[in-house]
Amino acid sequence: MHEVIATQEQPSLWASIREAVRGSHMNFTTGSLNRAILLLAIPMVLEMALESLFAVVDVFWVGRVGENAVATVGLTESMLTLVFAVAMGLSLSTTAMVARRIGEGGAEDAAVAGVQAIFLGLGLSVAIGVPCWIFAPNLLRLMGATPAIVAVGTNYARIALGGSGVVLMLFLNNAIFRGAGDAAIAMRLLWLSNIINLILDPCLIFGLGPFHRFGVTGAALATFSGRGIGVLYQFYRLLRGTERIRVLRQQIRMQWEVLWRLARVSSTGIVQFIIAQSSWIGLVRIVSIFGAAAVAGYTIAIRVVIFAILPSWGLSNAAATLVGQNLGAKEPRRAEQSVWRTGFYNMLFLGGIGVVFIVFAAPIVRIFTHDPAVATRAAACLRIVSYGNIGYAYEMVILQAFNGAGDTITPTVVNFFGFWIFEIPLAYWLAIHERLKANGVYWSIVVAEAAIAIASVALFRRGKWKKQQI
């Protein structure tokens, strides 16, 4: 009998994997910490893996259209990083608040927090989307686009930037599910969205079957369609409810105290990610000095890097959920242990990926372009940036842990000094003064990420995040 009970308490690895994909009923504030990380991380990693696959497949098809099309995607997505910053800042604050309420045993309060986050997200979507739709060509010119790129890419930029609210809402709604511990539902929702993207991409870009040939604009249409359908299904699942969280119709109203508290925490989180993500705009602006081939190479390499990094965000999101729920359950020591273990696993994963990218950079980028000038630049970018993977692995988990605790100020300060005071000036100095050109930009990324990782570890060890109220 004792052996049977032990087997039930410690399921096999494959049984845990199946449970993670189906959706786990485990209480993440008790029991085996390694199993809790596994059950949360697997669906989050799979969720981000498909998102990263979309990013790579998208540039694969756009690369067949031409150099200016790839440059359009690169410049537009550099601006979209600001939208992602808003989405991530609001989402992480939402995850923290929902996770804290779940850890305290308040599922209804968690649903209320989720509804207020949705109201906030819808307002931000309109505020961002309308100006971007109107001024899309001007924004491309501001980023250093040539007249040829503006001609090819205006409609792409208009749809991608003007319709960026679907990206924000997709992130935000999944943040509610993640905070509640419903990582498997968040995974399936993003799978639905991205599978639609993957199917529509070649059809709308090249006019396959009954579809019109839109060129690079088709990539933006595919993205908007897939993510828009995903958002509609998210709303349906929130109203239908899960075992952990359900939005009742009477809860769909403004609750100003909760909304204000969420907005206050989110505002710092949004600034945090704007600082981090907008630094990529500064970097690509420096790269654009060296021509369209350099921008295209940078775009391809960064897409490949994202392919590896997004699954790591899944591990980081798992850490954020564990921190939030365990602090809510008055288990700060377990919250801290979850961060160190998740960071170690992330280091093993990203470190291994980095070795592969360093060794096989040239053949990897040739999958996406046959232009020798673009391929050479892309391989150099991929190889250099991959040297920083181990530091980046720890940094992303620890900064997410601060956010999961509701401490959005510490990562904001770290990002400001790391990216804007250090990385951007270093990139310009190496590229222009030291005449390393675009390679100088890539080396600045490696050095800055290492510095941010060291600072993050030092601040995390101080432990002030354990006392954060949200």
Protein backbone atom coordinates (compact mmCIF):
# COMPACT_ATOMS: atom_id res chain seq x y z
CA MET A 1 0.00 0.00 0.00
CA HIS A 2 2.83 2.38 0.86
CA GLU A 3 4.39 1.81 -2.60
CA VAL A 4 1.07 2.55 -4.34
CA ILE A 5 0.68 5.81 -2.44
CA ALA A 6 4.25 6.84 -3.28
CA THR A 7 3.61 6.17 -6.95
CA GLN A 8 0.49 8.31 -6.86
CA GLU A 9 2.33 11.14 -5.15
CA GLN A 10 5.26 11.01 -7.56
CA PRO A 11 3.91 10.42 -11.10
CA SER A 12 6.34 9.38 -13.81
CA LEU A 13 7.94 11.99 -16.07
CA TRP A 14 5.72 11.07 -19.03
CA ALA A 15 2.60 11.14 -16.87
CA SER A 16 3.56 14.64 -15.70
CA ILE A 17 4.16 15.77 -19.28
CA ARG A 18 0.74 14.49 -20.35
CA GLU A 19 -0.85 16.21 -17.36
CA ALA A 20 0.92 19.48 -18.22
CA VAL A 21 -0.38 19.46 -21.80
CA ARG A 22 -3.93 18.49 -20.80
CA GLY A 23 -4.06 20.96 -17.94
CA SER A 24 -2.95 20.32 -14.38
CA HIS A 25 -5.12 20.43 -11.23
CA MET A 26 -2.06 20.69 -8.95
CA ASN A 27 -1.83 23.31 -6.23
CA PHE A 28 1.45 25.04 -7.15
CA THR A 29 2.03 26.32 -3.60
CA THR A 30 2.57 22.83 -2.14
CA GLY A 31 4.23 19.57 -3.11
CA SER A 32 7.26 18.95 -5.33
CA LEU A 33 8.72 22.21 -6.62
CA ASN A 34 10.38 20.52 -9.60
CA ARG A 35 7.03 19.04 -10.60
CA ALA A 36 5.31 22.42 -10.22
CA ILE A 37 7.92 24.00 -12.51
CA LEU A 38 7.48 21.15 -15.01
CA LEU A 39 3.67 21.37 -15.05
CA LEU A 40 3.69 25.13 -15.55
CA ALA A 41 6.71 25.37 -17.84
CA ILE A 42 5.83 22.69 -20.40
CA PRO A 43 2.65 24.35 -21.74
CA MET A 44 4.23 27.80 -21.48
CA VAL A 45 7.32 26.65 -23.40
CA LEU A 46 5.19 24.92 -26.03
CA GLU A 47 3.05 28.05 -26.30
CA MET A 48 6.09 30.24 -26.91
CA ALA A 49 7.69 27.62 -29.19
CA LEU A 50 4.83 27.89 -31.67
CA GLU A 51 4.96 31.69 -31.43
CA SER A 52 8.67 31.54 -32.22
CA LEU A 53 8.01 29.11 -35.09
CA PHE A 54 5.61 31.65 -36.55
CA ALA A 55 8.27 34.37 -36.36
CA VAL A 56 10.73 32.21 -38.30
CA VAL A 57 8.21 30.96 -40.89
CA ASP A 58 6.97 34.52 -41.45
CA VAL A 59 10.42 35.81 -42.38
CA PHE A 60 11.00 32.63 -44.43
CA TRP A 61 8.10 33.52 -46.75
CA VAL A 62 8.76 37.27 -46.75
CA GLY A 63 12.38 36.56 -47.65
CA ARG A 64 11.10 35.16 -50.97
CA VAL A 65 9.52 38.54 -51.80
CA GLY A 66 12.76 40.54 -51.68
CA GLU A 67 15.27 42.53 -49.68
CA ASN A 68 12.98 45.55 -49.26
CA ALA A 69 10.17 43.32 -47.97
CA VAL A 70 12.44 41.82 -45.30
CA ALA A 71 13.69 45.28 -44.37
CA THR A 72 10.06 46.43 -44.07
CA VAL A 73 9.33 43.64 -41.60
CA GLY A 74 12.48 44.45 -39.65
CA LEU A 75 11.77 48.17 -39.36
CA THR A 76 8.07 47.70 -38.59
CA GLU A 77 8.67 45.05 -35.96
CA SER A 78 11.29 47.24 -34.34
CA MET A 79 8.46 49.74 -33.80
CA LEU A 80 6.10 46.94 -32.77
CA THR A 81 8.46 46.24 -29.90
CA LEU A 82 6.86 49.27 -28.23
CA VAL A 83 3.45 47.61 -28.52
CA PHE A 84 4.92 44.39 -27.16
CA ALA A 85 6.37 46.45 -24.31
CA VAL A 86 2.92 47.75 -23.40
CA ALA A 87 1.44 44.25 -23.78
CA MET A 88 4.13 42.62 -21.66
CA GLY A 89 4.09 45.31 -18.97
CA LEU A 90 0.32 45.09 -18.57
CA SER A 91 0.32 41.30 -18.89
CA LEU A 92 2.96 40.72 -16.24
CA SER A 93 1.19 42.99 -13.79
CA THR A 94 -2.05 41.15 -14.55
CA THR A 95 -0.37 37.77 -14.03
CA ALA A 96 1.07 38.99 -10.71
CA MET A 97 -2.28 40.26 -9.42
CA VAL A 98 -4.29 37.23 -10.59
CA ALA A 99 -1.65 34.81 -9.23
CA ARG A 100 -1.57 36.59 -5.86
CA ARG A 101 -5.38 36.39 -5.53
CA ILE A 102 -5.36 32.69 -6.53
CA GLY A 103 -2.61 32.00 -3.97
CA GLU A 104 -4.76 33.69 -1.32
CA GLY A 105 -7.71 31.48 -2.31
CA GLY A 106 -9.76 34.24 -3.94
CA ALA A 107 -10.80 32.99 -7.40
CA GLU A 108 -13.59 35.60 -7.68
CA ASP A 109 -11.18 38.43 -6.86
CA ALA A 110 -8.80 37.03 -9.50
CA ALA A 111 -11.61 37.20 -12.09
CA VAL A 112 -12.37 40.82 -11.10
CA ALA A 113 -8.70 41.73 -11.59
CA GLY A 114 -8.77 40.05 -15.01
CA VAL A 115 -11.83 42.03 -16.13
CA GLN A 116 -10.25 45.34 -15.10
CA ALA A 117 -7.10 44.39 -17.02
CA ILE A 118 -9.21 43.76 -20.13
CA PHE A 119 -10.84 47.20 -19.85
CA LEU A 120 -7.40 48.75 -19.55
CA GLY A 121 -6.12 46.76 -22.53
CA LEU A 122 -9.01 47.73 -24.80
CA GLY A 123 -8.46 51.42 -24.06
CA LEU A 124 -4.74 51.17 -24.79
CA SER A 125 -5.44 49.27 -28.04
CA VAL A 126 -7.48 52.16 -29.42
CA ALA A 127 -5.03 54.79 -28.17
CA ILE A 128 -2.10 53.04 -29.89
CA GLY A 129 -3.76 51.69 -33.03
CA VAL A 130 -5.47 54.79 -34.45
CA PRO A 131 -2.38 57.08 -34.60
CA CYS A 132 -0.22 54.24 -35.94
CA TRP A 133 -2.68 53.54 -38.77
CA ILE A 134 -2.68 57.21 -39.79
CA PHE A 135 1.07 57.86 -39.55
CA ALA A 136 2.48 54.46 -40.61
CA PRO A 137 4.50 55.74 -43.65
CA ASN A 138 5.91 58.60 -41.59
CA LEU A 139 7.01 56.14 -38.93
CA LEU A 140 8.83 54.06 -41.54
CA ARG A 141 10.68 57.15 -42.78
CA LEU A 142 11.55 58.04 -39.21
CA MET A 143 13.18 54.64 -38.88
CA GLY A 144 15.43 55.37 -41.87
CA ALA A 145 13.44 53.51 -44.55
CA THR A 146 14.35 54.31 -48.15
CA PRO A 147 11.62 55.48 -50.57
CA ALA A 148 11.58 51.95 -52.05
CA ILE A 149 10.95 50.40 -48.63
CA VAL A 150 8.19 52.92 -47.87
CA ALA A 151 6.51 52.13 -51.20
CA VAL A 152 6.61 48.38 -50.58
CA GLY A 153 5.90 48.43 -46.86
CA THR A 154 3.36 51.17 -46.08
CA ASN A 155 0.33 48.87 -46.11
CA TYR A 156 2.20 46.24 -44.12
CA ALA A 157 3.14 48.81 -41.48
CA ARG A 158 -0.38 50.25 -41.42
CA ILE A 159 -2.00 46.87 -40.73
CA ALA A 160 0.71 45.61 -38.37
CA LEU A 161 0.90 48.79 -36.30
CA GLY A 162 -2.72 49.96 -36.61
CA GLY A 163 -4.09 46.51 -35.76
CA SER A 164 -1.58 45.91 -32.99
CA GLY A 165 -4.35 45.88 -30.39
CA VAL A 166 -4.96 42.19 -31.19
CA VAL A 167 -1.38 41.46 -30.09
CA LEU A 168 -1.93 43.35 -26.86
CA MET A 169 -5.20 41.59 -26.07
CA LEU A 170 -3.82 38.16 -26.97
CA PHE A 171 -0.96 38.64 -24.48
CA LEU A 172 -3.23 40.12 -21.84
CA ASN A 173 -5.93 37.46 -21.89
CA ASN A 174 -3.35 34.68 -21.77
CA ALA A 175 -1.74 36.46 -18.81
CA ILE A 176 -5.02 35.98 -16.93
CA PHE A 177 -4.96 32.25 -17.64
CA ARG A 178 -1.28 31.97 -16.69
CA GLY A 179 -1.76 33.82 -13.43
CA ALA A 180 -4.58 31.44 -12.52
CA GLY A 181 -2.32 28.48 -13.32
CA ASP A 182 -4.23 27.51 -16.49
CA ALA A 183 -1.06 27.39 -18.57
CA ALA A 184 -2.39 24.63 -20.84
CA ILE A 185 -5.37 26.77 -21.91
CA ALA A 186 -3.08 29.70 -22.71
CA MET A 187 -0.96 27.31 -24.77
CA ARG A 188 -3.88 25.99 -26.81
CA LEU A 189 -5.22 29.49 -27.46
CA LEU A 190 -1.91 30.69 -28.86
CA TRP A 191 -1.59 27.52 -30.89
CA LEU A 192 -4.95 28.23 -32.51
CA SER A 193 -3.90 31.78 -33.34
CA ASN A 194 -0.53 30.89 -34.77
CA ILE A 195 -1.66 27.85 -36.77
CA ILE A 196 -4.09 30.17 -38.58
CA ASN A 197 -1.16 32.54 -39.15
CA LEU A 198 1.02 29.77 -40.56
CA ILE A 199 -1.68 28.63 -42.98
CA LEU A 200 -2.63 32.11 -44.20
CA ASP A 201 0.93 33.45 -44.57
CA PRO A 202 1.91 31.85 -47.91
CA CYS A 203 -1.67 32.04 -49.20
CA LEU A 204 -1.95 35.81 -48.76
CA ILE A 205 1.67 36.64 -49.62
CA PHE A 206 1.77 34.70 -52.91
CA GLY A 207 -1.93 34.47 -53.80
CA LEU A 208 -2.29 30.71 -53.49
CA GLY A 209 -5.65 29.18 -54.42
CA PRO A 210 -8.58 31.62 -54.19
CA PHE A 211 -6.55 34.26 -52.33
CA HIS A 212 -5.35 37.54 -53.81
CA ARG A 213 -1.57 38.10 -54.02
CA PHE A 214 -0.79 40.80 -51.43
CA GLY A 215 3.00 40.46 -51.23
CA VAL A 216 4.49 41.52 -47.92
CA THR A 217 1.13 43.08 -46.92
CA GLY A 218 -0.28 39.54 -46.85
CA ALA A 219 1.98 38.69 -43.91
CA ALA A 220 0.38 41.47 -41.86
CA LEU A 221 -3.13 40.38 -42.88
CA ALA A 222 -2.38 36.78 -41.86
CA THR A 223 -1.07 37.90 -38.48
CA PHE A 224 -4.05 40.14 -37.79
CA SER A 225 -6.55 37.46 -38.81
CA GLY A 226 -4.97 34.67 -36.77
CA ARG A 227 -4.52 36.72 -33.64
CA GLY A 228 -7.95 38.35 -33.94
CA ILE A 229 -9.65 34.94 -34.02
CA GLY A 230 -7.52 33.89 -31.04
CA VAL A 231 -8.68 36.90 -29.02
CA LEU A 232 -12.35 36.15 -29.71
CA TYR A 233 -11.86 32.58 -28.49
CA GLN A 234 -10.09 33.84 -25.36
CA PHE A 235 -13.13 35.91 -24.42
CA TYR A 236 -15.33 32.85 -24.94
CA ARG A 237 -13.15 30.71 -22.65
CA LEU A 238 -13.08 33.36 -19.91
CA LEU A 239 -16.88 33.57 -19.91
CA ARG A 240 -17.31 29.80 -20.11
CA GLY A 241 -14.84 29.40 -17.24
CA THR A 242 -12.17 26.92 -16.20
CA GLU A 243 -11.57 25.00 -12.99
CA ARG A 244 -9.41 27.88 -11.69
CA ILE A 245 -11.04 31.06 -13.01
CA ARG A 246 -14.33 32.20 -14.56
CA VAL A 247 -15.60 35.67 -15.43
CA LEU A 248 -19.25 36.09 -14.45
CA ARG A 249 -21.45 38.52 -16.36
CA GLN A 250 -22.10 40.62 -13.26
CA GLN A 251 -18.34 41.10 -12.90
CA ILE A 252 -18.10 42.83 -16.30
CA ARG A 253 -18.15 46.37 -14.98
CA MET A 254 -15.66 49.00 -13.91
CA GLN A 255 -14.31 48.56 -10.39
CA TRP A 256 -12.24 51.68 -10.05
CA GLU A 257 -10.21 50.72 -6.99
CA VAL A 258 -8.94 47.50 -8.62
CA LEU A 259 -8.51 49.24 -11.99
CA TRP A 260 -6.44 52.01 -10.43
CA ARG A 261 -4.27 49.58 -8.48
CA LEU A 262 -3.63 47.54 -11.63
CA ALA A 263 -2.95 50.67 -13.70
CA ARG A 264 -0.45 51.91 -11.11
CA VAL A 265 1.52 48.66 -11.08
CA SER A 266 1.18 48.25 -14.85
CA SER A 267 2.41 51.76 -15.62
CA THR A 268 5.81 50.95 -14.18
CA GLY A 269 5.79 47.57 -15.90
CA ILE A 270 4.96 49.19 -19.24
CA VAL A 271 7.74 51.75 -18.79
CA GLN A 272 10.06 48.86 -17.89
CA PHE A 273 9.41 47.06 -21.16
CA ILE A 274 9.28 50.23 -23.25
CA ILE A 275 12.79 50.98 -22.01
CA ALA A 276 13.93 47.46 -22.88
CA GLN A 277 12.09 47.05 -26.18
CA SER A 278 12.69 50.56 -27.49
CA SER A 279 16.40 49.95 -27.15
CA TRP A 280 16.00 47.58 -30.11
CA ILE A 281 14.70 50.53 -32.12
CA GLY A 282 17.87 52.40 -31.24
CA LEU A 283 19.96 49.41 -32.28
CA VAL A 284 18.22 48.88 -35.62
CA ARG A 285 18.49 52.60 -36.30
CA ILE A 286 22.27 52.33 -35.95
CA VAL A 287 22.30 49.18 -38.11
CA SER A 288 20.28 51.01 -40.83
CA ILE A 289 23.23 53.38 -41.31
CA PHE A 290 25.00 50.50 -43.06
CA GLY A 291 22.27 49.82 -45.67
CA ALA A 292 19.28 47.61 -46.46
CA ALA A 293 21.39 44.43 -46.59
CA ALA A 294 22.57 45.05 -43.02
CA VAL A 295 18.98 45.62 -41.82
CA ALA A 296 17.77 42.50 -43.66
CA GLY A 297 20.58 40.42 -42.14
CA TYR A 298 19.84 41.78 -38.68
CA THR A 299 16.12 41.01 -39.15
CA ILE A 300 16.75 37.39 -40.14
CA ALA A 301 19.23 36.77 -37.32
CA ILE A 302 17.01 38.33 -34.65
CA ARG A 303 14.06 36.24 -35.85
CA VAL A 304 16.18 33.11 -35.40
CA VAL A 305 17.26 34.33 -31.95
CA ILE A 306 13.59 34.91 -31.05
CA PHE A 307 12.95 31.32 -32.09
CA ALA A 308 15.17 30.26 -29.18
CA ILE A 309 14.29 32.99 -26.70
CA LEU A 310 10.50 32.71 -26.78
CA PRO A 311 10.46 29.20 -25.27
CA SER A 312 12.74 30.59 -22.57
CA TRP A 313 10.08 33.22 -21.88
CA GLY A 314 7.82 30.26 -21.17
CA LEU A 315 10.16 29.18 -18.37
CA SER A 316 10.36 32.76 -17.12
CA ASN A 317 6.56 33.07 -17.10
CA ALA A 318 6.40 29.87 -15.06
CA ALA A 319 8.73 31.46 -12.51
CA ALA A 320 6.54 34.59 -12.36
CA THR A 321 3.39 32.53 -11.70
CA LEU A 322 5.12 30.47 -9.00
CA VAL A 323 6.42 33.60 -7.27
CA GLY A 324 3.01 35.29 -7.31
CA GLN A 325 1.05 32.28 -6.07
CA ASN A 326 3.58 31.31 -3.39
CA LEU A 327 3.84 34.85 -2.02
CA GLY A 328 0.04 34.89 -1.87
CA ALA A 329 0.17 31.61 0.07
CA LYS A 330 2.80 33.08 2.47
CA GLU A 331 5.57 30.81 1.14
CA PRO A 332 8.42 33.25 0.27
CA ARG A 333 11.17 30.62 0.60
CA ARG A 334 9.46 28.36 -1.92
CA ALA A 335 9.01 31.36 -4.23
CA GLU A 336 12.76 32.07 -4.10
CA GLN A 337 13.72 28.45 -4.70
CA SER A 338 11.48 28.32 -7.76
CA VAL A 339 13.38 31.22 -9.31
CA TRP A 340 16.86 29.76 -8.81
CA ARG A 341 15.82 26.37 -10.18
CA THR A 342 14.01 27.83 -13.17
CA GLY A 343 16.99 30.07 -13.93
CA PHE A 344 19.32 27.07 -13.90
CA TYR A 345 17.08 25.10 -16.27
CA ASN A 346 16.84 28.13 -18.54
CA MET A 347 20.63 28.48 -18.56
CA LEU A 348 21.02 24.85 -19.69
CA PHE A 349 18.45 25.34 -22.45
CA LEU A 350 19.62 28.68 -23.85
CA GLY A 351 23.30 27.79 -23.41
CA GLY A 352 22.83 24.67 -25.55
CA ILE A 353 20.94 26.64 -28.19
CA GLY A 354 23.72 29.24 -28.22
CA VAL A 355 26.35 26.60 -29.00
CA VAL A 356 24.29 25.34 -31.94
CA PHE A 357 23.83 28.86 -33.32
CA ILE A 358 27.53 29.70 -32.98
CA VAL A 359 28.65 26.53 -34.79
CA PHE A 360 25.96 26.44 -37.49
CA ALA A 361 25.19 30.15 -38.01
CA ALA A 362 25.95 30.19 -41.74
CA PRO A 363 23.82 27.18 -42.81
CA ILE A 364 20.97 28.31 -40.54
CA VAL A 365 20.65 31.77 -42.10
CA ARG A 366 20.92 30.35 -45.64
CA ILE A 367 17.54 28.73 -45.02
CA PHE A 368 16.01 32.23 -45.07
CA THR A 369 17.95 34.05 -47.76
CA HIS A 370 19.98 33.31 -50.90
CA ASP A 371 21.48 36.79 -51.05
CA PRO A 372 25.21 36.42 -50.19
CA ALA A 373 25.46 39.95 -48.74
CA VAL A 374 22.44 39.45 -46.48
CA ALA A 375 23.49 35.92 -45.46
CA THR A 376 26.97 37.04 -44.41
CA ARG A 377 25.61 39.81 -42.20
CA ALA A 378 22.90 37.58 -40.72
CA ALA A 379 25.40 34.85 -39.82
CA ALA A 380 27.68 37.37 -38.09
CA CYS A 381 24.77 38.76 -36.06
CA LEU A 382 23.48 35.31 -35.05
CA ARG A 383 26.93 34.10 -34.03
CA ILE A 384 27.86 37.15 -31.96
CA VAL A 385 24.51 37.57 -30.16
CA SER A 386 24.50 33.88 -29.17
CA TYR A 387 27.60 34.39 -27.02
CA GLY A 388 25.37 36.19 -24.51
CA ASN A 389 22.77 33.43 -24.09
CA ILE A 390 23.82 32.16 -20.66
CA GLY A 391 23.70 35.60 -19.06
CA TYR A 392 20.42 36.37 -20.79
CA ALA A 393 18.91 33.11 -19.50
CA TYR A 394 19.36 34.08 -15.84
CA GLU A 395 18.47 37.72 -16.42
CA MET A 396 15.09 37.05 -18.00
CA VAL A 397 13.99 34.63 -15.25
CA ILE A 398 15.06 36.90 -12.39
CA LEU A 399 13.51 40.04 -13.86
CA GLN A 400 10.28 38.10 -14.45
CA ALA A 401 10.40 36.98 -10.83
CA PHE A 402 10.45 40.61 -9.68
CA ASN A 403 7.41 41.25 -11.89
CA GLY A 404 5.65 38.15 -10.56
CA ALA A 405 6.07 39.55 -7.06
CA GLY A 406 4.55 42.86 -8.17
CA ASP A 407 7.89 44.71 -7.96
CA THR A 408 8.01 46.36 -11.39
CA ILE A 409 10.26 49.24 -10.27
CA THR A 410 13.48 47.24 -9.82
CA PRO A 411 13.46 45.76 -13.36
CA THR A 412 12.60 49.21 -14.74
CA VAL A 413 15.67 50.78 -13.15
CA VAL A 414 17.87 47.87 -14.25
CA ASN A 415 16.60 48.10 -17.84
CA PHE A 416 17.06 51.86 -18.01
CA PHE A 417 20.70 51.80 -16.95
CA GLY A 418 21.50 48.57 -18.79
CA PHE A 419 19.99 49.43 -22.16
CA TRP A 420 19.89 53.21 -22.53
CA ILE A 421 22.77 54.41 -20.38
CA PHE A 422 25.08 51.53 -21.33
CA GLU A 423 24.02 49.48 -24.40
CA ILE A 424 23.00 52.20 -26.90
CA PRO A 425 26.07 54.44 -26.37
CA LEU A 426 28.30 51.34 -26.48
CA ALA A 427 26.68 50.19 -29.74
CA TYR A 428 27.24 53.56 -31.38
CA TRP A 429 30.84 53.79 -30.12
CA LEU A 430 31.74 50.30 -31.32
CA ALA A 431 29.96 50.66 -34.68
CA ILE A 432 31.11 54.17 -35.60
CA HIS A 433 34.13 55.13 -33.52
CA GLU A 434 35.76 51.68 -33.48
CA ARG A 435 34.58 51.04 -37.07
CA LEU A 436 33.14 47.62 -36.31
CA LYS A 437 30.02 48.68 -38.22
CA ALA A 438 26.96 46.48 -37.54
CA ASN A 439 29.09 43.93 -35.67
CA GLY A 440 29.73 46.59 -33.03
CA VAL A 441 25.98 46.75 -32.40
CA TYR A 442 25.84 42.99 -31.92
CA TRP A 443 28.76 42.96 -29.46
CA SER A 444 27.08 45.71 -27.44
CA ILE A 445 24.08 43.39 -26.95
CA VAL A 446 26.29 40.65 -25.48
CA VAL A 447 28.11 42.98 -23.09
CA ALA A 448 24.95 44.76 -21.93
CA GLU A 449 23.02 41.55 -21.29
CA ALA A 450 25.89 40.19 -19.17
CA ALA A 451 25.96 43.39 -17.10
CA ILE A 452 22.18 43.33 -16.60
CA ALA A 453 22.32 39.68 -15.50
CA ILE A 454 24.94 40.43 -12.84
CA ALA A 455 22.96 43.40 -11.52
CA SER A 456 19.72 41.38 -11.47
CA VAL A 457 21.23 38.55 -9.42
CA ALA A 458 22.71 41.00 -6.92
CA LEU A 459 19.39 42.82 -6.42
CA PHE A 460 17.38 39.61 -6.21
CA ARG A 461 19.57 38.28 -3.40
CA ARG A 462 18.65 41.31 -1.26
CA GLY A 463 15.11 39.88 -0.97
CA LYS A 464 13.07 43.09 -0.80
CA TRP A 465 10.70 41.69 -3.45
CA LYS A 466 9.34 39.20 -0.88
CA LYS A 467 7.63 42.05 1.00
CA GLN A 468 5.96 43.60 -2.08
CA GLN A 469 2.20 44.24 -1.72
CA ILE A 470 -0.11 44.17 -4.74
